[in-house]
Amino acid sequence: MQKRKIFMLLGHPDKSGFCGEIADAYEEAARSAGHDVTRMNIGEMQFDPILWRGYRERQECEPDLLRFQELIMNSDHFVVIYPVWWVSMPAILKGLFDRAWLPGSAFRYIKTKAGNRTIFWHRLFRGKTARIFMTSGTHPLLVRFLPGNVNAQLRWGILWFAGFSVRTDWFGPAENIPEHRKARWLERVRKLGLKGR
């Protein structure tokens, strides 16, 4: 089995819940298999999640955002764990991508000879893979049926846009989980961690 450089991001601000357990299980299994694993917990990162002037002016990245960009660049595989809150990701996680997913760091627009931006872009992370682990208080089938694909924003609009090949695991309902179900879910996470997937 090929050893991989894995970067993990726990996108729940509180690492003590089930998302934290998923992150711990994956990290422990991946390390035990010899993969090179680095992890950041969003609740411990220091950065302003608000893009105050949109993309009209460049907002300097704080050290944690620069480290995030560096770890993405140097990894083979990116793992994101987060809860579905109000059919989306937590605001701080969206703010992280608003601030760090910038032209030149994750993608680059193709320009004409005159220097004007076209609708086409280079996907700077092409060839990399990603795994999303999501949890929700509601059953995933019900969430998909009512508001639609809540995973589209991160999977397609952010990660695929930058070149990642992405797979998703969605666990729910993830509140008051019976122990046998939690054990089964965490076993799946461990198996993926062992394989570096």
N, C-alpha and C. Protein backbone atom coordinates (compact mmCIF):
# COMPACT_ATOMS: atom_id res chain seq x y z
N MET A 1 0.84 -1.20 0.00
CA MET A 1 0.00 0.00 0.00
C MET A 1 0.88 1.25 0.00
N GLN A 2 0.52 2.19 -0.84
CA GLN A 2 1.28 3.43 -0.94
C GLN A 2 1.02 4.32 0.26
N LYS A 3 2.10 4.83 0.87
CA LYS A 3 1.97 5.76 1.99
C LYS A 3 1.65 7.15 1.45
N ARG A 4 0.74 7.82 2.10
CA ARG A 4 0.28 9.10 1.59
C ARG A 4 0.52 10.22 2.60
N LYS A 5 0.63 11.43 2.07
CA LYS A 5 0.70 12.63 2.91
C LYS A 5 -0.72 13.15 3.06
N ILE A 6 -1.24 13.05 4.26
CA ILE A 6 -2.64 13.37 4.52
C ILE A 6 -2.74 14.61 5.39
N PHE A 7 -3.58 15.53 4.97
CA PHE A 7 -3.88 16.71 5.78
C PHE A 7 -5.33 16.62 6.21
N MET A 8 -5.56 16.68 7.52
CA MET A 8 -6.89 16.60 8.08
C MET A 8 -7.31 17.95 8.66
N LEU A 9 -8.58 18.31 8.42
CA LEU A 9 -9.15 19.52 9.02
C LEU A 9 -10.43 19.14 9.75
N LEU A 10 -10.43 19.31 11.06
CA LEU A 10 -11.66 19.15 11.83
C LEU A 10 -12.41 20.47 11.75
N GLY A 11 -13.53 20.47 11.01
CA GLY A 11 -14.27 21.70 10.76
C GLY A 11 -15.33 22.03 11.79
N HIS A 12 -15.41 21.25 12.86
CA HIS A 12 -16.32 21.56 13.98
C HIS A 12 -15.53 22.37 14.99
N PRO A 13 -16.04 23.52 15.45
CA PRO A 13 -15.29 24.33 16.40
C PRO A 13 -15.01 23.62 17.73
N ASP A 14 -15.83 22.62 18.08
CA ASP A 14 -15.67 21.89 19.34
C ASP A 14 -15.22 20.47 19.02
N LYS A 15 -14.01 20.12 19.43
CA LYS A 15 -13.46 18.81 19.05
C LYS A 15 -13.91 17.68 19.98
N SER A 16 -14.79 17.96 20.93
CA SER A 16 -15.16 16.93 21.91
C SER A 16 -16.35 16.08 21.49
N GLY A 17 -17.02 16.41 20.38
CA GLY A 17 -18.20 15.67 19.96
C GLY A 17 -17.91 14.55 18.98
N PHE A 18 -18.94 14.11 18.27
CA PHE A 18 -18.79 12.97 17.35
C PHE A 18 -17.87 13.30 16.18
N CYS A 19 -17.89 14.54 15.70
CA CYS A 19 -16.94 14.92 14.64
C CYS A 19 -15.51 14.74 15.12
N GLY A 20 -15.25 15.10 16.37
CA GLY A 20 -13.92 14.89 16.95
C GLY A 20 -13.56 13.42 17.03
N GLU A 21 -14.55 12.58 17.36
CA GLU A 21 -14.30 11.14 17.42
C GLU A 21 -13.96 10.59 16.03
N ILE A 22 -14.64 11.09 15.02
CA ILE A 22 -14.35 10.67 13.65
C ILE A 22 -12.91 11.07 13.29
N ALA A 23 -12.56 12.32 13.60
CA ALA A 23 -11.21 12.79 13.30
C ALA A 23 -10.16 11.96 14.02
N ASP A 24 -10.39 11.69 15.30
CA ASP A 24 -9.43 10.90 16.08
C ASP A 24 -9.28 9.49 15.52
N ALA A 25 -10.41 8.86 15.16
CA ALA A 25 -10.38 7.49 14.64
C ALA A 25 -9.62 7.43 13.32
N TYR A 26 -9.90 8.38 12.43
CA TYR A 26 -9.21 8.40 11.13
C TYR A 26 -7.72 8.64 11.32
N GLU A 27 -7.39 9.64 12.14
CA GLU A 27 -5.99 10.00 12.34
C GLU A 27 -5.21 8.83 12.94
N GLU A 28 -5.76 8.20 13.96
CA GLU A 28 -5.08 7.08 14.62
C GLU A 28 -4.85 5.93 13.65
N ALA A 29 -5.86 5.60 12.85
CA ALA A 29 -5.73 4.50 11.90
C ALA A 29 -4.72 4.83 10.81
N ALA A 30 -4.78 6.05 10.29
CA ALA A 30 -3.86 6.44 9.22
C ALA A 30 -2.41 6.43 9.71
N ARG A 31 -2.18 6.94 10.91
CA ARG A 31 -0.82 6.93 11.46
C ARG A 31 -0.33 5.51 11.68
N SER A 32 -1.22 4.63 12.18
CA SER A 32 -0.81 3.25 12.44
C SER A 32 -0.43 2.51 11.16
N ALA A 33 -0.99 2.98 10.02
CA ALA A 33 -0.66 2.37 8.73
C ALA A 33 0.57 2.99 8.09
N GLY A 34 1.16 3.98 8.75
CA GLY A 34 2.39 4.59 8.25
C GLY A 34 2.21 5.81 7.38
N HIS A 35 0.98 6.30 7.27
CA HIS A 35 0.76 7.52 6.49
C HIS A 35 1.29 8.72 7.26
N ASP A 36 1.71 9.74 6.53
CA ASP A 36 2.19 10.99 7.11
C ASP A 36 0.98 11.90 7.31
N VAL A 37 0.57 12.09 8.56
CA VAL A 37 -0.68 12.80 8.85
C VAL A 37 -0.41 14.11 9.59
N THR A 38 -1.01 15.18 9.11
CA THR A 38 -1.00 16.47 9.80
C THR A 38 -2.45 16.89 9.99
N ARG A 39 -2.74 17.47 11.15
CA ARG A 39 -4.14 17.83 11.44
C ARG A 39 -4.23 19.24 12.00
N MET A 40 -5.27 19.94 11.59
CA MET A 40 -5.62 21.22 12.18
C MET A 40 -7.07 21.13 12.67
N ASN A 41 -7.33 21.72 13.83
CA ASN A 41 -8.67 21.82 14.38
C ASN A 41 -9.12 23.27 14.23
N ILE A 42 -10.22 23.49 13.52
CA ILE A 42 -10.61 24.87 13.20
C ILE A 42 -10.87 25.68 14.47
N GLY A 43 -11.31 25.03 15.55
CA GLY A 43 -11.57 25.75 16.79
C GLY A 43 -10.31 26.28 17.46
N GLU A 44 -9.15 25.81 17.04
CA GLU A 44 -7.88 26.26 17.61
C GLU A 44 -7.15 27.23 16.69
N MET A 45 -7.70 27.45 15.50
CA MET A 45 -7.06 28.35 14.54
C MET A 45 -7.42 29.80 14.85
N GLN A 46 -6.50 30.70 14.60
CA GLN A 46 -6.71 32.12 14.82
C GLN A 46 -6.76 32.84 13.48
N PHE A 47 -7.95 33.27 13.07
CA PHE A 47 -8.09 34.03 11.83
C PHE A 47 -9.44 34.71 11.82
N ASP A 48 -9.55 35.77 11.05
CA ASP A 48 -10.81 36.47 10.87
C ASP A 48 -11.56 35.78 9.73
N PRO A 49 -12.73 35.18 9.98
CA PRO A 49 -13.44 34.46 8.93
C PRO A 49 -14.20 35.35 7.95
N ILE A 50 -14.17 36.65 8.18
CA ILE A 50 -14.94 37.57 7.33
C ILE A 50 -14.05 38.17 6.25
N LEU A 51 -14.51 38.08 5.03
CA LEU A 51 -13.84 38.70 3.89
C LEU A 51 -14.45 40.09 3.75
N TRP A 52 -13.84 41.06 4.41
CA TRP A 52 -14.47 42.36 4.63
C TRP A 52 -14.79 43.12 3.36
N ARG A 53 -13.96 43.05 2.36
CA ARG A 53 -14.19 43.79 1.12
C ARG A 53 -14.38 42.86 -0.08
N GLY A 54 -14.86 41.66 0.22
CA GLY A 54 -15.02 40.69 -0.86
C GLY A 54 -13.67 40.42 -1.49
N TYR A 55 -13.64 40.33 -2.80
CA TYR A 55 -12.36 40.09 -3.49
C TYR A 55 -11.85 41.35 -4.19
N ARG A 56 -12.41 42.50 -3.82
CA ARG A 56 -11.94 43.76 -4.42
C ARG A 56 -10.57 44.14 -3.93
N GLU A 57 -10.28 43.82 -2.67
CA GLU A 57 -8.96 44.10 -2.11
C GLU A 57 -8.40 42.83 -1.49
N ARG A 58 -7.11 42.68 -1.58
CA ARG A 58 -6.47 41.50 -1.00
C ARG A 58 -6.41 41.68 0.52
N GLN A 59 -6.93 40.73 1.25
CA GLN A 59 -6.89 40.74 2.71
C GLN A 59 -5.77 39.80 3.13
N GLU A 60 -4.78 40.32 3.83
CA GLU A 60 -3.62 39.51 4.19
C GLU A 60 -4.02 38.32 5.05
N CYS A 61 -3.47 37.18 4.75
CA CYS A 61 -3.78 35.95 5.49
C CYS A 61 -3.00 35.88 6.80
N GLU A 62 -3.68 35.50 7.86
CA GLU A 62 -3.02 35.26 9.14
C GLU A 62 -2.15 34.00 9.05
N PRO A 63 -1.21 33.82 9.99
CA PRO A 63 -0.32 32.66 9.95
C PRO A 63 -1.03 31.32 9.86
N ASP A 64 -2.16 31.15 10.56
CA ASP A 64 -2.87 29.87 10.48
C ASP A 64 -3.45 29.63 9.09
N LEU A 65 -3.86 30.67 8.40
CA LEU A 65 -4.36 30.51 7.04
C LEU A 65 -3.22 30.17 6.08
N LEU A 66 -2.07 30.79 6.28
CA LEU A 66 -0.91 30.46 5.45
C LEU A 66 -0.48 29.02 5.67
N ARG A 67 -0.53 28.57 6.92
CA ARG A 67 -0.19 27.17 7.22
C ARG A 67 -1.21 26.23 6.57
N PHE A 68 -2.48 26.57 6.64
CA PHE A 68 -3.52 25.79 5.99
C PHE A 68 -3.24 25.66 4.49
N GLN A 69 -2.92 26.77 3.83
CA GLN A 69 -2.62 26.75 2.39
C GLN A 69 -1.41 25.87 2.10
N GLU A 70 -0.39 25.98 2.95
CA GLU A 70 0.84 25.19 2.76
C GLU A 70 0.56 23.69 2.91
N LEU A 71 -0.23 23.33 3.92
CA LEU A 71 -0.53 21.92 4.16
C LEU A 71 -1.37 21.33 3.02
N ILE A 72 -2.30 22.10 2.50
CA ILE A 72 -3.08 21.65 1.34
C ILE A 72 -2.14 21.41 0.17
N MET A 73 -1.26 22.36 -0.09
CA MET A 73 -0.35 22.28 -1.23
C MET A 73 0.55 21.06 -1.14
N ASN A 74 1.00 20.73 0.07
CA ASN A 74 1.98 19.65 0.24
C ASN A 74 1.37 18.28 0.49
N SER A 75 0.05 18.19 0.51
CA SER A 75 -0.59 16.90 0.81
C SER A 75 -0.98 16.18 -0.48
N ASP A 76 -1.18 14.86 -0.34
CA ASP A 76 -1.76 14.06 -1.42
C ASP A 76 -3.27 13.96 -1.24
N HIS A 77 -3.68 13.96 0.03
CA HIS A 77 -5.08 13.66 0.36
C HIS A 77 -5.53 14.61 1.46
N PHE A 78 -6.72 15.18 1.28
CA PHE A 78 -7.27 16.17 2.20
C PHE A 78 -8.55 15.60 2.80
N VAL A 79 -8.63 15.58 4.13
CA VAL A 79 -9.79 15.04 4.83
C VAL A 79 -10.44 16.18 5.61
N VAL A 80 -11.75 16.39 5.39
CA VAL A 80 -12.50 17.43 6.09
C VAL A 80 -13.65 16.77 6.85
N ILE A 81 -13.78 17.09 8.13
CA ILE A 81 -14.84 16.56 8.97
C ILE A 81 -15.66 17.73 9.49
N TYR A 82 -16.98 17.70 9.28
CA TYR A 82 -17.78 18.82 9.78
C TYR A 82 -19.24 18.41 9.97
N PRO A 83 -19.97 19.15 10.81
CA PRO A 83 -21.40 18.89 11.00
C PRO A 83 -22.22 19.72 10.02
N VAL A 84 -23.36 19.20 9.63
CA VAL A 84 -24.30 19.97 8.82
C VAL A 84 -25.16 20.79 9.77
N TRP A 85 -25.03 22.10 9.67
CA TRP A 85 -25.82 23.01 10.47
C TRP A 85 -26.66 23.86 9.52
N TRP A 86 -27.97 23.83 9.68
CA TRP A 86 -28.88 24.59 8.82
C TRP A 86 -28.55 24.36 7.35
N VAL A 87 -28.48 23.08 6.99
CA VAL A 87 -28.20 22.58 5.64
C VAL A 87 -26.96 23.19 5.00
N SER A 88 -25.95 23.43 5.81
CA SER A 88 -24.69 23.96 5.29
C SER A 88 -23.58 23.61 6.26
N MET A 89 -22.39 24.06 5.96
CA MET A 89 -21.26 23.88 6.86
C MET A 89 -21.27 24.99 7.92
N PRO A 90 -20.58 24.80 9.06
CA PRO A 90 -20.49 25.88 10.05
C PRO A 90 -19.91 27.14 9.43
N ALA A 91 -20.37 28.28 9.89
CA ALA A 91 -19.95 29.56 9.32
C ALA A 91 -18.44 29.74 9.36
N ILE A 92 -17.80 29.29 10.43
CA ILE A 92 -16.35 29.48 10.53
C ILE A 92 -15.62 28.66 9.48
N LEU A 93 -16.15 27.49 9.13
CA LEU A 93 -15.53 26.68 8.09
C LEU A 93 -15.69 27.33 6.72
N LYS A 94 -16.88 27.86 6.46
CA LYS A 94 -17.08 28.61 5.20
C LYS A 94 -16.16 29.81 5.17
N GLY A 95 -16.00 30.49 6.32
CA GLY A 95 -15.11 31.64 6.39
C GLY A 95 -13.66 31.27 6.11
N LEU A 96 -13.25 30.09 6.55
CA LEU A 96 -11.88 29.62 6.27
C LEU A 96 -11.67 29.52 4.76
N PHE A 97 -12.61 28.92 4.04
CA PHE A 97 -12.45 28.81 2.60
C PHE A 97 -12.59 30.16 1.91
N ASP A 98 -13.49 31.03 2.41
CA ASP A 98 -13.59 32.39 1.86
C ASP A 98 -12.24 33.09 1.91
N ARG A 99 -11.54 32.92 3.02
CA ARG A 99 -10.28 33.64 3.22
C ARG A 99 -9.08 32.97 2.55
N ALA A 100 -9.04 31.63 2.56
CA ALA A 100 -7.82 30.93 2.13
C ALA A 100 -7.87 30.39 0.71
N TRP A 101 -9.06 30.21 0.15
CA TRP A 101 -9.20 29.60 -1.18
C TRP A 101 -9.15 30.71 -2.23
N LEU A 102 -7.95 31.18 -2.52
CA LEU A 102 -7.78 32.39 -3.32
C LEU A 102 -7.18 32.10 -4.68
N PRO A 103 -7.44 33.00 -5.65
CA PRO A 103 -6.75 32.87 -6.93
C PRO A 103 -5.23 32.86 -6.70
N GLY A 104 -4.57 31.87 -7.25
CA GLY A 104 -3.12 31.74 -7.06
C GLY A 104 -2.76 30.74 -5.99
N SER A 105 -3.69 30.48 -5.06
CA SER A 105 -3.39 29.48 -4.03
C SER A 105 -4.15 28.19 -4.27
N ALA A 106 -5.36 28.25 -4.83
CA ALA A 106 -6.15 27.05 -5.09
C ALA A 106 -6.54 26.93 -6.57
N PHE A 107 -6.60 28.03 -7.26
CA PHE A 107 -6.97 28.05 -8.68
C PHE A 107 -6.37 29.30 -9.30
N ARG A 108 -6.37 29.34 -10.62
CA ARG A 108 -5.88 30.52 -11.32
C ARG A 108 -6.72 30.71 -12.57
N TYR A 109 -7.31 31.88 -12.71
CA TYR A 109 -8.09 32.15 -13.91
C TYR A 109 -7.17 32.30 -15.12
N ILE A 110 -7.63 31.83 -16.26
CA ILE A 110 -6.88 31.97 -17.51
C ILE A 110 -7.21 33.33 -18.09
N LYS A 111 -6.16 34.05 -18.49
CA LYS A 111 -6.36 35.40 -19.02
C LYS A 111 -6.09 35.45 -20.52
N THR A 112 -6.69 36.43 -21.16
CA THR A 112 -6.46 36.66 -22.58
C THR A 112 -5.10 37.33 -22.75
N LYS A 113 -4.68 37.47 -24.00
CA LYS A 113 -3.40 38.15 -24.27
C LYS A 113 -3.43 39.60 -23.79
N ALA A 114 -4.63 40.17 -23.76
CA ALA A 114 -4.77 41.56 -23.30
C ALA A 114 -4.80 41.65 -21.77
N GLY A 115 -4.80 40.49 -21.10
CA GLY A 115 -4.78 40.50 -19.64
C GLY A 115 -6.14 40.43 -18.99
N ASN A 116 -7.18 40.27 -19.79
CA ASN A 116 -8.53 40.16 -19.22
C ASN A 116 -8.82 38.73 -18.78
N ARG A 117 -9.57 38.60 -17.71
CA ARG A 117 -9.91 37.28 -17.18
C ARG A 117 -10.98 36.61 -18.05
N THR A 118 -10.77 35.32 -18.31
CA THR A 118 -11.77 34.55 -19.06
C THR A 118 -12.62 33.76 -18.06
N ILE A 119 -13.58 32.99 -18.57
CA ILE A 119 -14.41 32.16 -17.69
C ILE A 119 -13.73 30.84 -17.34
N PHE A 120 -12.54 30.59 -17.91
CA PHE A 120 -11.83 29.34 -17.70
C PHE A 120 -10.78 29.50 -16.60
N TRP A 121 -10.41 28.38 -15.98
CA TRP A 121 -9.46 28.45 -14.88
C TRP A 121 -8.60 27.19 -14.82
N HIS A 122 -7.40 27.33 -14.20
CA HIS A 122 -6.53 26.21 -13.90
C HIS A 122 -6.88 25.71 -12.51
N ARG A 123 -7.06 24.40 -12.38
CA ARG A 123 -7.36 23.78 -11.09
C ARG A 123 -6.03 23.36 -10.48
N LEU A 124 -5.52 24.13 -9.53
CA LEU A 124 -4.15 23.97 -9.04
C LEU A 124 -3.93 22.72 -8.20
N PHE A 125 -5.00 22.09 -7.72
CA PHE A 125 -4.85 20.86 -6.93
C PHE A 125 -5.27 19.62 -7.71
N ARG A 126 -5.21 19.71 -9.02
CA ARG A 126 -5.57 18.58 -9.87
C ARG A 126 -4.67 17.39 -9.53
N GLY A 127 -5.28 16.21 -9.41
CA GLY A 127 -4.53 15.00 -9.08
C GLY A 127 -4.58 14.66 -7.60
N LYS A 128 -5.04 15.59 -6.77
CA LYS A 128 -5.17 15.32 -5.35
C LYS A 128 -6.56 14.73 -5.06
N THR A 129 -6.66 14.03 -3.95
CA THR A 129 -7.94 13.46 -3.54
C THR A 129 -8.39 14.08 -2.23
N ALA A 130 -9.69 13.98 -1.98
CA ALA A 130 -10.25 14.49 -0.72
C ALA A 130 -11.36 13.57 -0.24
N ARG A 131 -11.55 13.54 1.05
CA ARG A 131 -12.64 12.80 1.68
C ARG A 131 -13.36 13.76 2.61
N ILE A 132 -14.67 13.84 2.48
CA ILE A 132 -15.50 14.64 3.38
C ILE A 132 -16.26 13.69 4.29
N PHE A 133 -16.17 13.93 5.60
CA PHE A 133 -17.02 13.24 6.57
C PHE A 133 -18.00 14.27 7.12
N MET A 134 -19.29 14.04 6.91
CA MET A 134 -20.31 14.95 7.43
C MET A 134 -21.16 14.22 8.45
N THR A 135 -21.64 14.97 9.44
CA THR A 135 -22.62 14.45 10.38
C THR A 135 -23.84 15.37 10.36
N SER A 136 -25.00 14.81 10.66
CA SER A 136 -26.19 15.65 10.75
C SER A 136 -27.14 15.07 11.78
N GLY A 137 -27.93 15.94 12.39
CA GLY A 137 -28.91 15.50 13.37
C GLY A 137 -30.10 14.83 12.71
N THR A 138 -30.32 15.12 11.44
CA THR A 138 -31.41 14.55 10.67
C THR A 138 -30.85 13.45 9.78
N HIS A 139 -31.66 12.48 9.45
CA HIS A 139 -31.22 11.40 8.57
C HIS A 139 -30.81 11.98 7.22
N PRO A 140 -29.66 11.56 6.66
CA PRO A 140 -29.19 12.11 5.38
C PRO A 140 -30.21 12.01 4.24
N LEU A 141 -30.99 10.92 4.18
CA LEU A 141 -31.97 10.79 3.10
C LEU A 141 -33.03 11.88 3.18
N LEU A 142 -33.45 12.21 4.39
CA LEU A 142 -34.46 13.26 4.57
C LEU A 142 -33.89 14.62 4.18
N VAL A 143 -32.65 14.87 4.59
CA VAL A 143 -32.02 16.16 4.25
C VAL A 143 -31.88 16.28 2.73
N ARG A 144 -31.46 15.20 2.07
CA ARG A 144 -31.32 15.22 0.60
C ARG A 144 -32.67 15.47 -0.07
N PHE A 145 -33.73 14.87 0.48
CA PHE A 145 -35.05 14.97 -0.13
C PHE A 145 -35.63 16.38 0.00
N LEU A 146 -35.41 17.02 1.14
CA LEU A 146 -36.03 18.32 1.37
C LEU A 146 -35.23 19.49 0.80
N PRO A 147 -34.06 19.86 1.36
CA PRO A 147 -33.38 21.04 0.82
C PRO A 147 -32.43 20.76 -0.34
N GLY A 148 -32.19 19.48 -0.66
CA GLY A 148 -31.29 19.19 -1.78
C GLY A 148 -29.90 18.80 -1.31
N ASN A 149 -28.92 18.97 -2.19
CA ASN A 149 -27.56 18.49 -1.94
C ASN A 149 -26.79 19.49 -1.09
N VAL A 150 -26.78 19.26 0.21
CA VAL A 150 -26.09 20.19 1.11
C VAL A 150 -24.58 20.04 1.02
N ASN A 151 -24.11 18.99 0.36
CA ASN A 151 -22.69 18.75 0.21
C ASN A 151 -22.12 19.41 -1.04
N ALA A 152 -22.98 19.96 -1.89
CA ALA A 152 -22.53 20.49 -3.17
C ALA A 152 -21.55 21.65 -3.00
N GLN A 153 -21.78 22.50 -2.02
CA GLN A 153 -20.95 23.69 -1.85
C GLN A 153 -19.49 23.31 -1.64
N LEU A 154 -19.24 22.40 -0.69
CA LEU A 154 -17.85 22.02 -0.42
C LEU A 154 -17.31 21.07 -1.48
N ARG A 155 -18.10 20.06 -1.82
CA ARG A 155 -17.60 19.04 -2.75
C ARG A 155 -17.32 19.60 -4.14
N TRP A 156 -18.32 20.29 -4.71
CA TRP A 156 -18.18 20.76 -6.09
C TRP A 156 -17.71 22.20 -6.18
N GLY A 157 -18.31 23.09 -5.40
CA GLY A 157 -18.01 24.52 -5.53
C GLY A 157 -16.66 24.92 -5.00
N ILE A 158 -16.09 24.12 -4.09
CA ILE A 158 -14.80 24.48 -3.49
C ILE A 158 -13.71 23.47 -3.87
N LEU A 159 -13.89 22.21 -3.48
CA LEU A 159 -12.83 21.22 -3.69
C LEU A 159 -12.67 20.81 -5.15
N TRP A 160 -13.77 20.43 -5.80
CA TRP A 160 -13.67 20.04 -7.22
C TRP A 160 -13.18 21.21 -8.05
N PHE A 161 -13.67 22.41 -7.75
CA PHE A 161 -13.27 23.62 -8.49
C PHE A 161 -11.76 23.77 -8.51
N ALA A 162 -11.11 23.36 -7.42
CA ALA A 162 -9.65 23.50 -7.32
C ALA A 162 -8.91 22.25 -7.80
N GLY A 163 -9.64 21.21 -8.21
CA GLY A 163 -8.98 20.06 -8.81
C GLY A 163 -9.07 18.75 -8.06
N PHE A 164 -9.62 18.77 -6.85
CA PHE A 164 -9.70 17.55 -6.06
C PHE A 164 -10.71 16.56 -6.64
N SER A 165 -10.38 15.28 -6.54
CA SER A 165 -11.34 14.20 -6.73
C SER A 165 -11.89 13.89 -5.34
N VAL A 166 -13.22 14.00 -5.16
CA VAL A 166 -13.79 14.02 -3.81
C VAL A 166 -14.77 12.86 -3.58
N ARG A 167 -14.69 12.28 -2.39
CA ARG A 167 -15.68 11.30 -1.94
C ARG A 167 -16.23 11.76 -0.59
N THR A 168 -17.48 11.35 -0.32
CA THR A 168 -18.16 11.81 0.89
C THR A 168 -18.76 10.65 1.66
N ASP A 169 -18.65 10.72 2.99
CA ASP A 169 -19.37 9.84 3.90
C ASP A 169 -20.22 10.72 4.80
N TRP A 170 -21.49 10.37 4.93
CA TRP A 170 -22.43 11.19 5.68
C TRP A 170 -23.08 10.31 6.74
N PHE A 171 -22.89 10.69 8.01
CA PHE A 171 -23.42 9.93 9.13
C PHE A 171 -24.57 10.69 9.81
N GLY A 172 -25.69 10.02 9.95
CA GLY A 172 -26.81 10.65 10.61
C GLY A 172 -27.99 9.69 10.72
N PRO A 173 -28.93 9.96 11.63
CA PRO A 173 -28.87 11.02 12.65
C PRO A 173 -27.72 10.75 13.63
N ALA A 174 -26.96 11.78 13.92
CA ALA A 174 -25.75 11.64 14.72
C ALA A 174 -25.91 12.16 16.14
N GLU A 175 -27.15 12.31 16.61
CA GLU A 175 -27.39 12.69 18.01
C GLU A 175 -28.00 11.50 18.72
N ASN A 176 -27.54 11.26 19.95
CA ASN A 176 -28.00 10.11 20.73
C ASN A 176 -27.85 8.81 19.94
N ILE A 177 -26.66 8.61 19.39
CA ILE A 177 -26.40 7.46 18.53
C ILE A 177 -26.32 6.19 19.37
N PRO A 178 -27.02 5.12 18.98
CA PRO A 178 -26.82 3.83 19.66
C PRO A 178 -25.36 3.39 19.51
N GLU A 179 -24.82 2.80 20.56
CA GLU A 179 -23.39 2.44 20.56
C GLU A 179 -23.03 1.51 19.41
N HIS A 180 -23.91 0.57 19.07
CA HIS A 180 -23.57 -0.36 17.98
C HIS A 180 -23.47 0.37 16.65
N ARG A 181 -24.31 1.40 16.44
CA ARG A 181 -24.25 2.16 15.19
C ARG A 181 -23.00 3.03 15.15
N LYS A 182 -22.71 3.68 16.28
CA LYS A 182 -21.50 4.50 16.34
C LYS A 182 -20.26 3.65 16.07
N ALA A 183 -20.21 2.45 16.67
CA ALA A 183 -19.06 1.57 16.47
C ALA A 183 -18.93 1.18 15.00
N ARG A 184 -20.05 0.93 14.34
CA ARG A 184 -20.01 0.57 12.92
C ARG A 184 -19.51 1.73 12.07
N TRP A 185 -20.00 2.93 12.36
CA TRP A 185 -19.55 4.10 11.61
C TRP A 185 -18.06 4.35 11.82
N LEU A 186 -17.61 4.29 13.07
CA LEU A 186 -16.19 4.55 13.36
C LEU A 186 -15.30 3.46 12.75
N GLU A 187 -15.80 2.25 12.65
CA GLU A 187 -15.03 1.19 12.01
C GLU A 187 -14.83 1.50 10.53
N ARG A 188 -15.86 2.03 9.89
CA ARG A 188 -15.70 2.45 8.49
C ARG A 188 -14.65 3.55 8.37
N VAL A 189 -14.69 4.51 9.28
CA VAL A 189 -13.72 5.60 9.28
C VAL A 189 -12.31 5.05 9.43
N ARG A 190 -12.13 4.12 10.36
CA ARG A 190 -10.80 3.52 10.58
C ARG A 190 -10.29 2.80 9.34
N LYS A 191 -11.17 2.06 8.68
CA LYS A 191 -10.76 1.35 7.45
C LYS A 191 -10.30 2.32 6.38
N LEU A 192 -11.00 3.43 6.25
CA LEU A 192 -10.59 4.45 5.28
C LEU A 192 -9.27 5.07 5.69
N GLY A 193 -9.09 5.31 6.99
CA GLY A 193 -7.83 5.86 7.48
C GLY A 193 -6.66 4.94 7.21
N LEU A 194 -6.84 3.66 7.43
CA LEU A 194 -5.78 2.68 7.17
C LEU A 194 -5.34 2.72 5.71
N LYS A 195 -6.30 2.89 4.81
CA LYS A 195 -6.01 2.92 3.38
C LYS A 195 -5.56 4.30 2.89
N GLY A 196 -5.69 5.30 3.77
CA GLY A 196 -5.34 6.66 3.35
C GLY A 196 -6.29 7.21 2.30
N ARG A 197 -7.56 6.86 2.45
CA ARG A 197 -8.58 7.30 1.49
C ARG A 197 -9.59 8.25 2.13
